[in-house]
Amino acid sequence: MDLHLQQKVFIVTGGAKGIGAAISKTLAEEGASVVIAGRDKNDNQKMVDEIVLAKGKATSHTIELADPEACKELIQFTVDKFGRLDGLINNAGVNDGVSIEEGSPEAFMQSIVKNLSHIYNLTHYALPHLKTSKGVVINIGSKVAETGQGRTSGYAASKGGMNALTREWAAAFLPYGIRVNTVIPAEVWTPLYATWIKTFENPDAKLKEITSKIPFEQRFTTSEEIANMVVFLASDRSSHTTGQIIYVDGGYTHLDRSLT
């Protein structure tokens, strides 16, 4: 299926690793130009090199997303380089474990800035250009907003806020033909996840315990499966889909646990 993404330009925050890397590569495979935005210049460049080697189009921009001015500069960089902006993929974020007991009001606010504020800032500065292109905003959320996890109040609040903004912006942007959706992962196998698993005394047993609770096929979701949904939502093949929170999680969030 041709997704009609040739000549389109997308920013992917955190686009050099894990889910973000899969999104960047899949967009490029469909003919889009990708701006990979993240704080690690070397990681960004490695992903650009990989995409270019595969005959795709990509560039990178080193950014500290917590800085509102840096968010403005990222949008301007993209428009200066490509002349347009068709989509913003808000992928960057980290489950930083700021809890209600061991955390603090200061740490909680830092978590909100780290995981939510930049989404508002980037979308604010991108909006004039997205109006011109009738573009898209796609947020990468988390099951934690729906299920809770314990010991991660800042991240849960941020991802819950992301879901709320998805619905709010979908309503606000109706006059401009801009679509806004969120994709929710649950248990996704990434290099970061693999590193975390190794911290357990018996990683294989922990892995089996986790996958046993994933209803569909008792396996992790792949980064590529998340990316495929994101890229579909970025395309005009999903032209009447907006304000949706879409779970790509093998049924983890909503199916009855008795099924596992």
C-alpha atoms as a PDB file:
ATOM      1  CA  MET A   1       0.000   0.000   0.000  1.00  0.00           C
ATOM      2  CA  ASP A   2       1.329   3.397  -1.011  1.00  0.00           C
ATOM      3  CA  LEU A   3       1.038   5.690   2.017  1.00  0.00           C
ATOM      4  CA  HIS A   4       1.646   8.824  -0.064  1.00  0.00           C
ATOM      5  CA  LEU A   5       4.435  10.094   2.193  1.00  0.00           C
ATOM      6  CA  GLN A   6       6.877  11.097  -0.533  1.00  0.00           C
ATOM      7  CA  GLN A   7       7.865  14.761  -0.196  1.00  0.00           C
ATOM      8  CA  LYS A   8       6.442  14.852   3.350  1.00  0.00           C
ATOM      9  CA  VAL A   9       8.578  16.024   6.294  1.00  0.00           C
ATOM     10  CA  PHE A  10       8.343  14.694   9.850  1.00  0.00           C
ATOM     11  CA  ILE A  11      10.094  15.416  13.133  1.00  0.00           C
ATOM     12  CA  VAL A  12      10.619  12.411  15.409  1.00  0.00           C
ATOM     13  CA  THR A  13      11.730  13.266  18.940  1.00  0.00           C
ATOM     14  CA  GLY A  14      13.888  10.600  20.506  1.00  0.00           C
ATOM     15  CA  GLY A  15      14.133   9.256  16.984  1.00  0.00           C
ATOM     16  CA  ALA A  16      17.535   7.576  17.262  1.00  0.00           C
ATOM     17  CA  LYS A  17      16.794   4.634  19.547  1.00  0.00           C
ATOM     18  CA  GLY A  18      14.147   2.046  20.355  1.00  0.00           C
ATOM     19  CA  ILE A  19      10.623   2.871  19.238  1.00  0.00           C
ATOM     20  CA  GLY A  20      11.761   6.243  17.905  1.00  0.00           C
ATOM     21  CA  ALA A  21      14.389   4.637  15.694  1.00  0.00           C
ATOM     22  CA  ALA A  22      11.820   2.248  14.255  1.00  0.00           C
ATOM     23  CA  ILE A  23       9.495   5.171  13.514  1.00  0.00           C
ATOM     24  CA  SER A  24      12.297   7.154  11.844  1.00  0.00           C
ATOM     25  CA  LYS A  25      13.315   4.222   9.646  1.00  0.00           C
ATOM     26  CA  THR A  26       9.763   3.308   8.661  1.00  0.00           C
ATOM     27  CA  LEU A  27       8.911   6.881   7.693  1.00  0.00           C
ATOM     28  CA  ALA A  28      12.065   7.041   5.572  1.00  0.00           C
ATOM     29  CA  GLU A  29      11.250   3.703   3.933  1.00  0.00           C
ATOM     30  CA  GLU A  30       7.933   5.212   2.856  1.00  0.00           C
ATOM     31  CA  GLY A  31       9.726   8.121   1.185  1.00  0.00           C
ATOM     32  CA  ALA A  32       9.373  10.811   3.851  1.00  0.00           C
ATOM     33  CA  SER A  33      12.152  13.124   5.010  1.00  0.00           C
ATOM     34  CA  VAL A  34      12.860  12.662   8.713  1.00  0.00           C
ATOM     35  CA  VAL A  35      14.357  15.058  11.253  1.00  0.00           C
ATOM     36  CA  ILE A  36      15.723  13.033  14.157  1.00  0.00           C
ATOM     37  CA  ALA A  37      15.678  15.162  17.303  1.00  0.00           C
ATOM     38  CA  GLY A  38      17.423  14.165  20.520  1.00  0.00           C
ATOM     39  CA  ARG A  39      20.079  15.195  22.998  1.00  0.00           C
ATOM     40  CA  ASP A  40      22.799  12.736  21.904  1.00  0.00           C
ATOM     41  CA  LYS A  41      24.478  14.051  18.757  1.00  0.00           C
ATOM     42  CA  ASN A  42      26.333  10.795  18.049  1.00  0.00           C
ATOM     43  CA  ASP A  43      23.214   8.636  18.341  1.00  0.00           C
ATOM     44  CA  ASN A  44      21.318  11.022  16.092  1.00  0.00           C
ATOM     45  CA  GLN A  45      24.023  10.906  13.444  1.00  0.00           C
ATOM     46  CA  LYS A  46      24.243   7.108  13.524  1.00  0.00           C
ATOM     47  CA  MET A  47      20.548   6.872  12.761  1.00  0.00           C
ATOM     48  CA  VAL A  48      20.840   9.437   9.962  1.00  0.00           C
ATOM     49  CA  ASP A  49      23.733   7.454   8.475  1.00  0.00           C
ATOM     50  CA  GLU A  50      21.719   4.223   8.649  1.00  0.00           C
ATOM     51  CA  ILE A  51      18.739   5.795   6.894  1.00  0.00           C
ATOM     52  CA  VAL A  52      20.877   7.447   4.217  1.00  0.00           C
ATOM     53  CA  LEU A  53      22.729   4.165   3.600  1.00  0.00           C
ATOM     54  CA  ALA A  54      19.340   2.589   2.926  1.00  0.00           C
ATOM     55  CA  LYS A  55      18.621   5.359   0.373  1.00  0.00           C
ATOM     56  CA  GLY A  56      16.331   7.293   2.697  1.00  0.00           C
ATOM     57  CA  LYS A  57      16.259  11.006   3.538  1.00  0.00           C
ATOM     58  CA  ALA A  58      17.109  12.176   7.037  1.00  0.00           C
ATOM     59  CA  THR A  59      18.901  14.796   9.051  1.00  0.00           C
ATOM     60  CA  SER A  60      19.296  15.398  12.766  1.00  0.00           C
ATOM     61  CA  HIS A  61      19.090  18.183  15.297  1.00  0.00           C
ATOM     62  CA  THR A  62      20.614  18.022  18.763  1.00  0.00           C
ATOM     63  CA  ILE A  63      18.194  19.358  21.324  1.00  0.00           C
ATOM     64  CA  GLU A  64      17.419  19.486  25.024  1.00  0.00           C
ATOM     65  CA  LEU A  65      13.655  19.221  24.850  1.00  0.00           C
ATOM     66  CA  ALA A  66      13.105  20.684  28.323  1.00  0.00           C
ATOM     67  CA  ASP A  67      14.195  24.086  26.939  1.00  0.00           C
ATOM     68  CA  PRO A  68      11.224  25.893  25.297  1.00  0.00           C
ATOM     69  CA  GLU A  69      13.533  28.015  23.151  1.00  0.00           C
ATOM     70  CA  ALA A  70      15.244  24.881  21.866  1.00  0.00           C
ATOM     71  CA  CYS A  71      11.838  23.526  20.846  1.00  0.00           C
ATOM     72  CA  LYS A  72      11.216  26.681  18.836  1.00  0.00           C
ATOM     73  CA  GLU A  73      14.635  26.341  17.199  1.00  0.00           C
ATOM     74  CA  LEU A  74      13.928  22.717  16.195  1.00  0.00           C
ATOM     75  CA  ILE A  75      10.781  23.708  14.332  1.00  0.00           C
ATOM     76  CA  GLN A  76      12.578  26.583  12.606  1.00  0.00           C
ATOM     77  CA  PHE A  77      15.527  24.333  11.699  1.00  0.00           C
ATOM     78  CA  THR A  78      13.161  21.871  10.029  1.00  0.00           C
ATOM     79  CA  VAL A  79      11.262  24.479   8.037  1.00  0.00           C
ATOM     80  CA  ASP A  80      14.469  26.245   6.992  1.00  0.00           C
ATOM     81  CA  LYS A  81      15.950  22.986   5.717  1.00  0.00           C
ATOM     82  CA  PHE A  82      12.928  21.408   4.030  1.00  0.00           C
ATOM     83  CA  GLY A  83      10.547  24.306   3.462  1.00  0.00           C
ATOM     84  CA  ARG A  84       7.649  22.589   5.202  1.00  0.00           C
ATOM     85  CA  LEU A  85       6.508  20.449   8.113  1.00  0.00           C
ATOM     86  CA  ASP A  86       3.894  17.720   7.712  1.00  0.00           C
ATOM     87  CA  GLY A  87       4.007  15.969  11.034  1.00  0.00           C
ATOM     88  CA  LEU A  88       5.302  15.986  14.578  1.00  0.00           C
ATOM     89  CA  ILE A  89       5.931  12.633  16.268  1.00  0.00           C
ATOM     90  CA  ASN A  90       6.211  13.234  20.016  1.00  0.00           C
ATOM     91  CA  ASN A  91       8.074  10.083  21.028  1.00  0.00           C
ATOM     92  CA  ALA A  92      10.707  11.243  23.529  1.00  0.00           C
ATOM     93  CA  GLY A  93      10.127  10.472  27.196  1.00  0.00           C
ATOM     94  CA  VAL A  94      11.413   8.407  30.088  1.00  0.00           C
ATOM     95  CA  ASN A  95       9.803   6.446  32.899  1.00  0.00           C
ATOM     96  CA  ASP A  96      11.831   8.207  35.573  1.00  0.00           C
ATOM     97  CA  GLY A  97      10.343   6.600  38.660  1.00  0.00           C
ATOM     98  CA  VAL A  98       9.324   9.772  40.481  1.00  0.00           C
ATOM     99  CA  SER A  99       6.998   8.290  43.093  1.00  0.00           C
ATOM    100  CA  ILE A 100       4.591   9.807  45.602  1.00  0.00           C
ATOM    101  CA  GLU A 101       6.537   8.414  48.581  1.00  0.00           C
ATOM    102  CA  GLU A 102      10.209   8.680  47.635  1.00  0.00           C
ATOM    103  CA  GLY A 103       9.792  11.597  45.257  1.00  0.00           C
ATOM    104  CA  SER A 104       9.350  15.297  45.970  1.00  0.00           C
ATOM    105  CA  PRO A 105       7.279  18.175  44.585  1.00  0.00           C
ATOM    106  CA  GLU A 106      10.390  19.429  42.792  1.00  0.00           C
ATOM    107  CA  ALA A 107      11.125  16.031  41.207  1.00  0.00           C
ATOM    108  CA  PHE A 108       7.484  15.684  40.184  1.00  0.00           C
ATOM    109  CA  MET A 109       7.537  18.997  38.326  1.00  0.00           C
ATOM    110  CA  GLN A 110      10.834  18.078  36.682  1.00  0.00           C
ATOM    111  CA  SER A 111       9.199  14.870  35.438  1.00  0.00           C
ATOM    112  CA  ILE A 112       6.304  16.830  33.977  1.00  0.00           C
ATOM    113  CA  VAL A 113       8.747  19.121  32.167  1.00  0.00           C
ATOM    114  CA  LYS A 114      10.756  16.149  30.944  1.00  0.00           C
ATOM    115  CA  ASN A 115       7.803  14.117  29.720  1.00  0.00           C
ATOM    116  CA  LEU A 116       4.943  16.506  28.930  1.00  0.00           C
ATOM    117  CA  SER A 117       5.854  20.185  28.657  1.00  0.00           C
ATOM    118  CA  HIS A 118       7.966  19.797  25.527  1.00  0.00           C
ATOM    119  CA  ILE A 119       5.020  18.219  23.741  1.00  0.00           C
ATOM    120  CA  TYR A 120       3.024  21.400  24.263  1.00  0.00           C
ATOM    121  CA  ASN A 121       5.998  23.594  23.333  1.00  0.00           C
ATOM    122  CA  LEU A 122       6.816  21.751  20.113  1.00  0.00           C
ATOM    123  CA  THR A 123       3.194  21.591  19.006  1.00  0.00           C
ATOM    124  CA  HIS A 124       2.722  25.288  19.777  1.00  0.00           C
ATOM    125  CA  TYR A 125       5.628  26.282  17.541  1.00  0.00           C
ATOM    126  CA  ALA A 126       4.785  23.712  14.862  1.00  0.00           C
ATOM    127  CA  LEU A 127       1.150  24.770  14.574  1.00  0.00           C
ATOM    128  CA  PRO A 128       1.504  27.535  11.958  1.00  0.00           C
ATOM    129  CA  HIS A 129       3.340  25.138   9.645  1.00  0.00           C
ATOM    130  CA  LEU A 130       0.950  22.254  10.298  1.00  0.00           C
ATOM    131  CA  LYS A 131      -1.924  24.557   9.379  1.00  0.00           C
ATOM    132  CA  THR A 132      -0.296  25.099   5.994  1.00  0.00           C
ATOM    133  CA  SER A 133       0.292  21.391   5.343  1.00  0.00           C
ATOM    134  CA  LYS A 134      -2.855  20.114   7.099  1.00  0.00           C
ATOM    135  CA  GLY A 135      -0.435  17.910   8.958  1.00  0.00           C
ATOM    136  CA  VAL A 136      -0.552  15.511  11.874  1.00  0.00           C
ATOM    137  CA  VAL A 137       0.526  15.277  15.496  1.00  0.00           C
ATOM    138  CA  ILE A 138       1.150  11.775  16.833  1.00  0.00           C
ATOM    139  CA  ASN A 139       2.002  11.190  20.464  1.00  0.00           C
ATOM    140  CA  ILE A 140       3.612   8.068  21.879  1.00  0.00           C
ATOM    141  CA  GLY A 141       1.977   7.392  25.214  1.00  0.00           C
ATOM    142  CA  SER A 142       2.106   4.571  27.731  1.00  0.00           C
ATOM    143  CA  LYS A 143      -0.201   1.994  29.269  1.00  0.00           C
ATOM    144  CA  VAL A 144       0.773   3.524  32.625  1.00  0.00           C
ATOM    145  CA  ALA A 145      -1.688   6.367  31.979  1.00  0.00           C
ATOM    146  CA  GLU A 146      -4.471   3.800  31.966  1.00  0.00           C
ATOM    147  CA  THR A 147      -3.315   1.076  34.347  1.00  0.00           C
ATOM    148  CA  GLY A 148      -1.012   2.809  36.801  1.00  0.00           C
ATOM    149  CA  GLN A 149       2.228   1.117  37.754  1.00  0.00           C
ATOM    150  CA  GLY A 150       3.206   2.277  41.208  1.00  0.00           C
ATOM    151  CA  ARG A 151       6.291   4.344  42.054  1.00  0.00           C
ATOM    152  CA  THR A 152       6.111   6.529  38.946  1.00  0.00           C
ATOM    153  CA  SER A 153       3.688   9.394  39.625  1.00  0.00           C
ATOM    154  CA  GLY A 154       5.440  11.923  37.397  1.00  0.00           C
ATOM    155  CA  TYR A 155       5.475   9.669  34.345  1.00  0.00           C
ATOM    156  CA  ALA A 156       1.890   8.514  34.897  1.00  0.00           C
ATOM    157  CA  ALA A 157       0.679  12.110  35.202  1.00  0.00           C
ATOM    158  CA  SER A 158       2.605  13.108  32.077  1.00  0.00           C
ATOM    159  CA  LYS A 159       1.210  10.294  29.973  1.00  0.00           C
ATOM    160  CA  GLY A 160      -2.293  10.904  31.290  1.00  0.00           C
ATOM    161  CA  GLY A 161      -1.873  14.537  30.333  1.00  0.00           C
ATOM    162  CA  MET A 162      -0.739  13.470  26.888  1.00  0.00           C
ATOM    163  CA  ASN A 163      -3.968  11.520  26.395  1.00  0.00           C
ATOM    164  CA  ALA A 164      -5.992  14.552  27.483  1.00  0.00           C
ATOM    165  CA  LEU A 165      -4.084  16.852  25.128  1.00  0.00           C
ATOM    166  CA  THR A 166      -4.664  14.435  22.278  1.00  0.00           C
ATOM    167  CA  ARG A 167      -8.409  14.872  22.638  1.00  0.00           C
ATOM    168  CA  GLU A 168      -8.141  18.608  23.333  1.00  0.00           C
ATOM    169  CA  TRP A 169      -5.936  19.297  20.316  1.00  0.00           C
ATOM    170  CA  ALA A 170      -7.995  17.084  18.020  1.00  0.00           C
ATOM    171  CA  ALA A 171     -10.944  19.328  18.890  1.00  0.00           C
ATOM    172  CA  ALA A 172      -8.956  22.572  18.718  1.00  0.00           C
ATOM    173  CA  PHE A 173      -7.412  21.762  15.335  1.00  0.00           C
ATOM    174  CA  LEU A 174     -10.602  20.703  13.546  1.00  0.00           C
ATOM    175  CA  PRO A 175     -10.852  24.018  11.647  1.00  0.00           C
ATOM    176  CA  TYR A 176      -7.349  23.502  10.239  1.00  0.00           C
ATOM    177  CA  GLY A 177      -7.641  19.923   9.044  1.00  0.00           C
ATOM    178  CA  ILE A 178      -4.897  18.798  11.462  1.00  0.00           C
ATOM    179  CA  ARG A 179      -5.306  15.319  12.916  1.00  0.00           C
ATOM    180  CA  VAL A 180      -4.028  14.358  16.386  1.00  0.00           C
ATOM    181  CA  ASN A 181      -3.747  10.801  17.707  1.00  0.00           C
ATOM    182  CA  THR A 182      -1.850   8.863  20.360  1.00  0.00           C
ATOM    183  CA  VAL A 183      -0.347   5.385  20.101  1.00  0.00           C
ATOM    184  CA  ILE A 184      -0.052   3.465  23.378  1.00  0.00           C
ATOM    185  CA  PRO A 185       2.616   0.786  23.765  1.00  0.00           C
ATOM    186  CA  ALA A 186       2.714  -1.608  26.717  1.00  0.00           C
ATOM    187  CA  GLU A 187       5.557  -4.128  26.804  1.00  0.00           C
ATOM    188  CA  VAL A 188       7.857  -3.351  23.855  1.00  0.00           C
ATOM    189  CA  TRP A 189      11.186  -5.098  23.355  1.00  0.00           C
ATOM    190  CA  THR A 190      13.875  -2.433  22.956  1.00  0.00           C
ATOM    191  CA  PRO A 191      17.593  -2.260  23.838  1.00  0.00           C
ATOM    192  CA  LEU A 192      16.666  -0.277  26.955  1.00  0.00           C
ATOM    193  CA  TYR A 193      14.197  -2.951  28.014  1.00  0.00           C
ATOM    194  CA  ALA A 194      16.806  -5.644  27.425  1.00  0.00           C
ATOM    195  CA  THR A 195      19.228  -3.795  29.688  1.00  0.00           C
ATOM    196  CA  TRP A 196      16.573  -3.522  32.407  1.00  0.00           C
ATOM    197  CA  ILE A 197      15.783  -7.252  32.251  1.00  0.00           C
ATOM    198  CA  LYS A 198      19.432  -8.047  32.896  1.00  0.00           C
ATOM    199  CA  THR A 199      19.261  -6.292  36.277  1.00  0.00           C
ATOM    200  CA  PHE A 200      17.218  -9.178  37.682  1.00  0.00           C
ATOM    201  CA  GLU A 201      18.815 -12.178  39.369  1.00  0.00           C
ATOM    202  CA  ASN A 202      17.073 -14.500  36.927  1.00  0.00           C
ATOM    203  CA  PRO A 203      16.398 -12.520  33.723  1.00  0.00           C
ATOM    204  CA  ASP A 204      14.898 -15.464  31.838  1.00  0.00           C
ATOM    205  CA  ALA A 205      12.355 -16.128  34.582  1.00  0.00           C
ATOM    206  CA  LYS A 206      11.432 -12.427  34.720  1.00  0.00           C
ATOM    207  CA  LEU A 207      11.029 -12.356  30.955  1.00  0.00           C
ATOM    208  CA  LYS A 208       8.733 -15.377  31.048  1.00  0.00           C
ATOM    209  CA  GLU A 209       6.689 -13.818  33.844  1.00  0.00           C
ATOM    210  CA  ILE A 210       6.137 -10.649  31.803  1.00  0.00           C
ATOM    211  CA  THR A 211       5.312 -12.303  28.488  1.00  0.00           C
ATOM    212  CA  SER A 212       2.878 -14.696  30.181  1.00  0.00           C
ATOM    213  CA  LYS A 213       0.685 -11.675  30.960  1.00  0.00           C
ATOM    214  CA  ILE A 214       0.519 -10.420  27.363  1.00  0.00           C
ATOM    215  CA  PRO A 215      -2.708 -11.929  25.987  1.00  0.00           C
ATOM    216  CA  PHE A 216      -1.969 -12.052  22.262  1.00  0.00           C
ATOM    217  CA  GLU A 217       0.696 -14.671  21.520  1.00  0.00           C
ATOM    218  CA  GLN A 218       2.365 -14.150  24.920  1.00  0.00           C
ATOM    219  CA  ARG A 219       5.131 -12.037  23.406  1.00  0.00           C
ATOM    220  CA  PHE A 220       6.456  -8.517  23.449  1.00  0.00           C
ATOM    221  CA  THR A 221       5.245  -5.954  20.947  1.00  0.00           C
ATOM    222  CA  THR A 222       8.069  -5.047  18.567  1.00  0.00           C
ATOM    223  CA  SER A 223       9.205  -1.486  17.940  1.00  0.00           C
ATOM    224  CA  GLU A 224       8.364  -2.047  14.287  1.00  0.00           C
ATOM    225  CA  GLU A 225       4.746  -2.857  15.154  1.00  0.00           C
ATOM    226  CA  ILE A 226       4.455   0.448  16.981  1.00  0.00           C
ATOM    227  CA  ALA A 227       6.135   2.227  14.067  1.00  0.00           C
ATOM    228  CA  ASN A 228       3.763   0.681  11.527  1.00  0.00           C
ATOM    229  CA  MET A 229       0.756   2.109  13.359  1.00  0.00           C
ATOM    230  CA  VAL A 230       2.407   5.523  13.735  1.00  0.00           C
ATOM    231  CA  VAL A 231       3.277   5.735  10.051  1.00  0.00           C
ATOM    232  CA  PHE A 232      -0.225   4.664   9.046  1.00  0.00           C
ATOM    233  CA  LEU A 233      -1.660   7.433  11.232  1.00  0.00           C
ATOM    234  CA  ALA A 234       0.812   9.868   9.669  1.00  0.00           C
ATOM    235  CA  SER A 235      -0.502   9.060   6.215  1.00  0.00           C
ATOM    236  CA  ASP A 236      -3.645  10.093   4.389  1.00  0.00           C
ATOM    237  CA  ARG A 237      -4.721   6.450   4.485  1.00  0.00           C
ATOM    238  CA  SER A 238      -6.020   7.329   7.964  1.00  0.00           C
ATOM    239  CA  SER A 239      -7.549  10.600   6.782  1.00  0.00           C
ATOM    240  CA  HIS A 240     -10.665  10.418   8.980  1.00  0.00           C
ATOM    241  CA  THR A 241      -8.971   9.314  12.196  1.00  0.00           C
ATOM    242  CA  THR A 242      -8.407  11.952  14.854  1.00  0.00           C
ATOM    243  CA  GLY A 243      -8.684  12.244  18.620  1.00  0.00           C
ATOM    244  CA  GLN A 244      -8.004   8.541  19.026  1.00  0.00           C
ATOM    245  CA  ILE A 245      -5.924   6.756  21.644  1.00  0.00           C
ATOM    246  CA  ILE A 246      -4.842   3.536  19.981  1.00  0.00           C
ATOM    247  CA  TYR A 247      -3.389   0.622  21.929  1.00  0.00           C
ATOM    248  CA  VAL A 248      -0.769  -1.462  20.122  1.00  0.00           C
ATOM    249  CA  ASP A 249      -0.097  -3.863  22.971  1.00  0.00           C
ATOM    250  CA  GLY A 250      -1.270  -7.397  22.207  1.00  0.00           C
ATOM    251  CA  GLY A 251      -4.349  -6.774  24.341  1.00  0.00           C
ATOM    252  CA  TYR A 252      -2.275  -6.115  27.470  1.00  0.00           C
ATOM    253  CA  THR A 253      -4.119  -3.028  28.701  1.00  0.00           C
ATOM    254  CA  HIS A 254      -7.738  -4.008  28.246  1.00  0.00           C
ATOM    255  CA  LEU A 255      -8.190  -7.776  27.955  1.00  0.00           C
ATOM    256  CA  ASP A 256      -9.190  -9.780  31.009  1.00  0.00           C
ATOM    257  CA  ARG A 257      -6.181 -11.169  32.889  1.00  0.00           C
ATOM    258  CA  SER A 258      -7.954 -14.530  33.184  1.00  0.00           C
ATOM    259  CA  LEU A 259      -7.085 -14.977  29.509  1.00  0.00           C
ATOM    260  CA  THR A 260      -3.450 -15.421  30.509  1.00  0.00           C
END
